[in-house]
Protein backbone atom coordinates (compact mmCIF):
# COMPACT_ATOMS: atom_id res chain seq x y z
CA MET A 1 -15.90 -29.40 192.16
CA VAL A 2 -16.72 -31.94 189.44
CA ASP A 3 -20.23 -31.74 187.94
CA ASN A 4 -21.64 -35.11 188.97
CA GLU A 5 -25.07 -34.81 187.37
CA HIS A 6 -27.14 -37.96 186.81
CA GLY A 7 -30.22 -38.82 184.79
CA GLY A 8 -33.34 -40.57 186.02
CA THR A 9 -35.54 -39.81 189.00
CA ASP A 10 -35.24 -36.28 190.39
CA ALA A 11 -37.05 -33.98 192.84
CA LEU A 12 -40.15 -34.16 190.62
CA GLY A 13 -40.28 -37.93 190.91
CA VAL A 14 -40.03 -40.62 188.25
CA PRO A 15 -40.44 -39.14 184.73
CA ALA A 16 -43.28 -40.63 182.72
CA HIS A 17 -40.97 -40.83 179.69
CA ASP A 18 -37.34 -40.96 180.77
CA PHE A 19 -34.85 -40.51 177.93
CA SER A 20 -32.18 -39.36 180.40
CA THR A 21 -30.74 -42.77 181.33
CA ASN A 22 -29.17 -45.53 179.27
CA ARG A 23 -31.12 -48.42 180.75
CA ASN A 24 -32.68 -51.06 178.53
CA ALA A 25 -36.15 -49.65 177.88
CA CYS A 26 -37.52 -53.16 177.28
CA GLY A 27 -37.06 -53.94 180.97
CA PRO A 28 -37.29 -54.67 183.75
CA CYS A 29 -36.40 -58.20 182.68
CA PRO A 30 -39.32 -60.38 183.88
CA GLU A 31 -37.12 -63.34 184.78
CA ALA A 32 -34.85 -61.12 186.88
CA VAL A 33 -37.87 -59.56 188.60
CA THR A 34 -39.07 -63.05 189.53
CA ALA A 35 -35.64 -63.79 191.01
CA LEU A 36 -35.81 -60.62 193.12
CA GLN A 37 -39.26 -61.53 194.36
CA ALA A 38 -37.92 -64.89 195.51
CA ALA A 39 -34.86 -63.39 197.24
CA HIS A 40 -34.24 -64.48 200.83
CA LEU A 41 -34.65 -61.31 202.89
CA ALA A 42 -34.64 -62.60 206.45
CA GLN A 43 -30.85 -62.92 206.82
CA TYR A 44 -27.61 -61.39 205.63
CA PRO A 45 -26.06 -62.69 202.40
CA ASP A 46 -22.81 -64.62 202.63
CA PRO A 47 -20.29 -61.82 203.32
CA GLN A 48 -17.77 -63.50 200.99
CA TYR A 49 -20.38 -63.97 198.21
CA THR A 50 -18.87 -67.40 197.59
CA ALA A 51 -21.64 -68.95 195.46
CA LEU A 52 -22.21 -65.68 193.57
CA ARG A 53 -18.54 -65.35 192.66
CA LEU A 54 -18.51 -68.95 191.42
CA GLN A 55 -21.53 -68.28 189.20
CA LEU A 56 -20.10 -65.05 187.78
CA ALA A 57 -16.71 -66.68 187.24
CA ALA A 58 -18.28 -69.56 185.30
CA PHE A 59 -20.23 -67.09 183.15
CA HIS A 60 -17.06 -65.17 182.22
CA ALA A 61 -14.81 -68.26 182.17
CA VAL A 62 -12.39 -66.81 184.72
CA ALA A 63 -11.10 -67.94 188.10
CA PRO A 64 -13.48 -66.98 190.94
CA GLU A 65 -10.55 -65.49 192.85
CA ARG A 66 -10.49 -62.65 190.28
CA LEU A 67 -14.05 -61.51 191.13
CA VAL A 68 -14.73 -58.49 193.36
CA ILE A 69 -18.37 -57.78 194.27
CA GLY A 70 -19.44 -54.13 194.54
CA GLY A 71 -22.43 -52.11 195.66
CA SER A 72 -22.69 -50.44 192.23
CA SER A 73 -20.39 -49.30 189.45
CA SER A 74 -20.09 -45.95 191.20
CA GLU A 75 -19.08 -47.64 194.44
CA LEU A 76 -16.44 -49.69 192.63
CA ILE A 77 -15.18 -46.61 190.77
CA HIS A 78 -14.47 -44.95 194.11
CA ARG A 79 -12.98 -48.13 195.56
CA LEU A 80 -10.73 -48.75 192.56
CA THR A 81 -9.57 -45.13 192.72
CA GLN A 82 -8.76 -45.41 196.42
CA HIS A 83 -6.99 -48.71 195.79
CA ALA A 84 -4.90 -47.17 192.98
CA LEU A 85 -3.89 -44.33 195.29
CA ARG A 86 -2.81 -46.80 197.98
CA GLN A 87 -0.73 -48.63 195.37
CA GLY A 88 1.17 -45.43 194.52
CA ALA A 89 -0.83 -43.94 191.66
CA THR A 90 -0.62 -40.15 191.40
CA GLN A 91 -2.66 -39.49 188.28
CA VAL A 92 -5.75 -40.60 186.40
CA SER A 93 -6.57 -40.41 182.70
CA LEU A 94 -10.14 -40.15 181.43
CA PRO A 95 -11.86 -40.18 178.06
CA ARG A 96 -12.62 -36.70 176.73
CA HIS A 97 -16.36 -37.20 177.32
CA CYS A 98 -17.25 -39.62 180.09
CA TYR A 99 -19.23 -40.51 183.20
CA GLY A 100 -18.67 -37.91 185.91
CA ASP A 101 -17.94 -40.35 188.72
CA TYR A 102 -14.48 -41.13 187.31
CA ALA A 103 -13.38 -37.52 187.76
CA GLN A 104 -15.30 -37.09 190.98
CA ALA A 105 -13.58 -40.08 192.57
CA ALA A 106 -10.18 -38.84 191.38
CA GLU A 107 -10.86 -35.42 192.91
CA VAL A 108 -12.00 -36.91 196.21
CA TRP A 109 -8.89 -39.12 196.47
CA GLY A 110 -6.46 -36.50 195.22
CA LEU A 111 -5.35 -37.97 191.90
CA ARG A 112 -4.45 -35.39 189.28
CA ARG A 113 -5.91 -35.71 185.80
CA SER A 114 -3.53 -36.39 182.94
CA SER A 115 -4.03 -36.14 179.22
CA ARG A 116 -4.47 -39.21 177.06
CA ASN A 117 -1.78 -37.63 174.86
CA THR A 118 0.88 -38.06 177.54
CA PRO A 119 2.88 -41.31 177.74
CA TRP A 120 1.38 -44.17 179.70
CA GLY A 121 2.78 -44.56 183.17
CA ASP A 122 1.86 -45.43 186.69
CA GLY A 123 -1.69 -44.39 187.42
CA LEU A 124 -5.32 -45.22 186.85
CA HIS A 125 -6.76 -45.17 183.34
CA TRP A 126 -10.49 -45.30 182.59
CA ALA A 127 -12.22 -46.42 179.42
CA CYS A 128 -15.88 -47.18 178.73
CA GLU A 129 -17.10 -49.07 175.69
CA PRO A 130 -19.45 -48.26 174.18
CA SER A 131 -18.58 -44.86 175.54
CA SER A 132 -20.97 -42.60 177.40
CA PRO A 133 -22.44 -40.30 176.29
CA LEU A 134 -21.50 -40.87 172.64
CA GLY A 135 -21.98 -44.64 172.44
CA ARG A 136 -18.84 -45.17 170.38
CA GLU A 137 -15.78 -47.40 170.38
CA GLU A 138 -13.03 -46.00 172.60
CA ASP A 139 -9.99 -44.37 170.99
CA ILE A 140 -7.57 -45.68 173.63
CA TRP A 141 -6.65 -49.00 172.05
CA GLN A 142 -4.09 -47.83 169.47
CA GLY A 143 -1.84 -46.38 172.17
CA LEU A 144 -2.33 -49.21 174.63
CA PRO A 145 0.97 -50.79 175.69
CA ALA A 146 1.36 -54.56 175.63
CA ASP A 147 1.61 -54.70 179.44
CA ALA A 148 -1.62 -52.76 180.00
CA CYS A 149 -2.54 -54.86 183.01
CA HIS A 150 0.33 -53.21 184.89
CA HIS A 151 -0.97 -49.72 184.21
CA GLY A 152 -4.33 -49.86 185.97
CA LEU A 153 -6.58 -49.74 182.89
CA VAL A 154 -10.22 -50.27 183.85
CA LEU A 155 -12.73 -50.98 181.09
CA ASP A 156 -16.22 -49.98 182.19
CA CYS A 157 -18.46 -52.58 180.52
CA ALA A 158 -21.75 -51.06 181.71
CA TYR A 159 -23.14 -50.82 178.18
CA ARG A 160 -21.22 -53.60 176.45
CA PRO A 161 -24.24 -55.96 176.67
CA LEU A 162 -26.30 -53.24 174.92
CA TRP A 163 -24.16 -53.03 171.77
CA LEU A 164 -26.64 -52.74 168.90
CA GLU A 165 -24.64 -52.07 165.74
CA GLY A 166 -23.02 -55.44 165.14
CA PRO A 167 -20.97 -57.42 167.68
CA ALA A 168 -18.87 -55.64 170.28
CA PRO A 169 -15.24 -55.38 169.16
CA PRO A 170 -12.96 -58.09 170.55
CA ARG A 171 -10.64 -56.96 173.31
CA ASP A 172 -7.98 -58.72 175.34
CA MET A 173 -10.20 -58.69 178.39
CA ALA A 174 -7.79 -60.86 180.40
CA ALA A 175 -5.28 -57.98 180.43
CA LEU A 176 -7.73 -55.39 181.81
CA TRP A 177 -9.72 -54.64 184.88
CA GLN A 178 -13.35 -55.15 183.87
CA LEU A 179 -16.27 -53.38 185.55
CA TRP A 180 -19.71 -54.95 184.94
CA THR A 181 -23.06 -53.40 185.86
CA PRO A 182 -25.90 -55.68 184.64
CA ASN A 183 -28.75 -53.53 185.97
CA LYS A 184 -28.62 -51.31 182.87
CA ALA A 185 -28.90 -54.22 180.43
CA LEU A 186 -31.72 -55.69 182.54
CA GLY A 187 -33.62 -52.39 182.64
CA MET A 188 -33.63 -52.28 186.45
CA THR A 189 -31.25 -49.52 187.50
CA GLY A 190 -33.13 -49.18 190.79
CA VAL A 191 -31.32 -52.33 191.96
CA ARG A 192 -27.71 -51.56 192.82
CA ALA A 193 -25.04 -54.22 192.40
CA ALA A 194 -21.94 -54.68 190.24
CA TYR A 195 -18.70 -56.60 190.04
CA ALA A 196 -15.13 -56.20 188.86
CA ILE A 197 -12.84 -58.80 187.29
CA ALA A 198 -9.14 -58.39 187.94
CA PRO A 199 -6.62 -58.83 185.12
CA GLU A 200 -5.23 -62.31 184.75
CA GLY A 201 -2.11 -62.70 186.84
CA THR A 202 -3.01 -60.00 189.37
CA ALA A 203 -1.55 -60.88 192.76
CA GLN A 204 -4.21 -62.24 195.08
CA ALA A 205 -3.00 -59.85 197.77
CA GLN A 206 -3.97 -56.93 195.51
CA ILE A 207 -7.45 -58.34 194.89
CA ASN A 208 -7.92 -59.01 198.59
CA ALA A 209 -6.84 -55.44 199.37
CA LEU A 210 -9.51 -54.10 197.01
CA ARG A 211 -12.13 -56.31 198.64
CA ALA A 212 -11.06 -55.14 202.08
CA LEU A 213 -11.93 -51.53 201.21
CA ALA A 214 -15.65 -52.43 201.08
CA PRO A 215 -17.97 -52.45 204.09
CA SER A 216 -19.48 -55.74 205.20
CA TRP A 217 -22.33 -56.99 202.98
CA VAL A 218 -21.73 -54.32 200.38
CA VAL A 219 -24.50 -55.95 198.28
CA GLY A 220 -27.81 -56.98 199.80
CA ALA A 221 -30.14 -59.82 198.94
CA HIS A 222 -31.82 -58.09 196.00
CA GLY A 223 -28.49 -57.21 194.42
CA VAL A 224 -27.28 -60.78 194.83
CA ALA A 225 -30.48 -62.10 193.24
CA MET A 226 -30.08 -59.77 190.27
CA LEU A 227 -26.46 -60.78 189.67
CA GLN A 228 -27.34 -64.46 189.96
CA ALA A 229 -30.21 -64.05 187.51
CA TRP A 230 -27.96 -62.13 185.11
CA VAL A 231 -25.89 -65.21 184.27
CA THR A 232 -28.82 -67.58 183.63
CA PRO A 233 -29.66 -68.74 180.09
CA GLU A 234 -33.24 -67.47 180.45
CA VAL A 235 -32.14 -63.91 181.23
CA GLN A 236 -29.49 -63.92 178.52
CA ALA A 237 -32.12 -65.08 176.02
CA TRP A 238 -34.42 -62.24 177.10
CA LEU A 239 -31.55 -59.79 176.63
CA ALA A 240 -30.87 -61.06 173.11
CA ARG A 241 -34.55 -60.62 172.18
CA SER A 242 -34.62 -57.14 173.69
CA LEU A 243 -31.71 -56.03 171.52
CA GLU A 244 -33.75 -56.77 168.40
CA THR A 245 -36.57 -54.60 169.77
CA LEU A 246 -34.15 -51.82 170.69
CA ARG A 247 -32.69 -51.78 167.17
CA HIS A 248 -36.18 -51.24 165.77
CA TRP A 249 -36.99 -48.53 168.31
CA LYS A 250 -33.64 -46.83 167.70
CA GLY A 251 -34.32 -46.58 163.97
CA ARG A 252 -37.65 -44.89 164.71
CA GLN A 253 -36.07 -42.53 167.24
CA LEU A 254 -33.31 -41.48 164.86
CA ALA A 255 -35.94 -40.74 162.21
CA LEU A 256 -37.88 -38.69 164.78
CA CYS A 257 -34.80 -36.63 165.59
CA GLU A 258 -34.32 -35.91 161.89
CA ARG A 259 -37.94 -34.73 161.57
CA LEU A 260 -37.52 -32.45 164.58
CA GLY A 261 -34.34 -30.94 163.19
CA TRP A 262 -32.09 -32.45 165.87
CA ALA A 263 -28.56 -33.17 164.63
CA VAL A 264 -27.47 -36.63 165.84
CA LEU A 265 -23.73 -37.04 166.36
CA PRO A 266 -22.34 -39.96 164.29
CA GLY A 267 -20.64 -43.13 165.44
CA HIS A 268 -23.14 -44.37 168.02
CA GLN A 269 -23.22 -48.14 168.54
CA ALA A 270 -25.47 -48.58 171.57
CA ASN A 271 -29.00 -47.96 172.82
CA TYR A 272 -28.32 -44.24 173.24
CA PHE A 273 -26.86 -41.35 171.28
CA VAL A 274 -26.21 -37.62 171.49
CA ALA A 275 -28.13 -34.98 169.53
CA ARG A 276 -27.65 -31.24 169.18
CA LEU A 277 -30.88 -29.31 169.67
CA PRO A 278 -31.80 -26.39 167.40
CA LEU A 279 -31.71 -23.95 170.33
CA ALA A 280 -29.48 -21.21 171.59
CA GLN A 281 -27.52 -22.35 174.63
CA ALA A 282 -29.30 -19.71 176.72
CA ASP A 283 -32.64 -21.39 175.93
CA MET A 284 -31.60 -24.98 176.70
CA ALA A 285 -32.35 -25.09 180.41
CA ALA A 286 -35.78 -23.52 180.05
CA ARG A 287 -36.78 -25.86 177.22
CA LEU A 288 -35.62 -28.97 179.06
CA ALA A 289 -37.45 -27.81 182.18
CA ALA A 290 -40.61 -27.28 180.14
CA LEU A 291 -40.34 -30.81 178.76
CA ARG A 292 -39.76 -32.15 182.27
CA SER A 293 -42.96 -30.47 183.44
CA GLN A 294 -44.76 -32.59 180.83
CA GLY A 295 -43.21 -35.79 182.12
CA ILE A 296 -40.37 -36.00 179.59
CA LYS A 297 -36.76 -35.93 180.73
CA LEU A 298 -33.73 -35.52 178.51
CA ARG A 299 -30.13 -35.57 179.76
CA ASP A 300 -28.39 -32.23 179.26
CA ALA A 301 -24.97 -33.21 177.93
CA ARG A 302 -23.19 -30.10 179.20
CA SER A 303 -21.90 -32.13 182.16
CA PHE A 304 -20.17 -34.35 179.59
CA GLY A 305 -18.54 -31.31 177.98
CA LEU A 306 -21.14 -31.08 175.20
CA PRO A 307 -23.19 -27.91 175.77
CA GLY A 308 -26.20 -27.54 173.51
CA HIS A 309 -26.58 -31.31 173.24
CA VAL A 310 -28.68 -33.97 174.93
CA ARG A 311 -27.96 -37.65 175.47
CA MET A 312 -30.98 -39.76 174.59
CA GLY A 313 -31.65 -43.30 175.67
CA VAL A 314 -33.67 -45.26 173.13
CA MET A 315 -37.28 -45.46 174.28
CA ALA A 316 -40.48 -47.18 173.14
CA PRO A 317 -42.61 -45.63 170.36
CA VAL A 318 -45.21 -44.37 172.86
CA ALA A 319 -42.52 -42.32 174.62
CA GLN A 320 -41.17 -41.08 171.30
CA ALA A 321 -44.66 -39.90 170.31
CA ALA A 322 -45.03 -38.07 173.62
CA LEU A 323 -41.69 -36.36 173.07
CA ALA A 324 -42.69 -35.23 169.58
CA ARG A 325 -46.00 -33.81 170.79
CA ALA A 326 -44.40 -31.95 173.67
CA TRP A 327 -41.55 -30.54 171.60
CA LEU A 328 -43.82 -29.32 168.82
CA SER A 329 -46.26 -27.76 171.28
CA LEU A 330 -43.44 -25.84 172.95
CA ALA A 331 -42.02 -24.75 169.58
CA ASP A 332 -45.44 -23.37 168.58
CA ALA A 333 -46.00 -21.59 171.90
């Protein structure tokens, strides 16, 4: 069974200082919160999400027929996997270190995992940029065939709006499936809603088949309100300002890791990174549990294939100070 561990709220409740998720720590976005508060809750949303798809399509400058609304990125990961299976896919390729739901969906739907070193062929291929947990550019592009849209390549864009180290690299987005999850950039991961954009030229019957795999009203009123707010100039302006704050906070957090003797893995481009802790692997679980008891949660990166490491979302200075105090008190105990 695939290890499908997640960060964030757990059996102990909401952590006071949660470094375990990659959400924008400047959020929740106030303008998006206002939109949620004004959401119409008395009736169902339009089951076809007609107005929402038009707004998202205008934002991305694509035809609205290419938009598929989803309950979350995880829901769309499972739906895209099921759809690929129904279209004849027998295998899935994944980045070496990646979000566990890709593999979990493949296991549930019976797709075998293939190596990125094998030739491209029929199947489903996942990429995430910036990658999770490492926050780097993907290494898939050099081997990408010219007709990638025929090979089921899905680019998970969950963290693309949170690119901090210069602009995100240009990609031929029209040739790829795109998966967008704005709740992370807006700092409101408690609201679940996402959308996919089909590659240009995808047969409408294929897009309709993917839509048909969803239950009715897969996104409720709050999710619709968040996605509609996401494309407004006011929210995009807030996001741009938040990135400047996150860059400042990230610099402080990297300096803190250096003072604590934590070895940060290079190449990170986003509002998160991976660090190796100066602990024996046998001591990791106990130390992370001790931190959690003090309201501080770090994401154990063993589920990503990186034992002895943690993934750290960039947090505000007050949270960084709390982490330093807790870590030093445990080290002295």
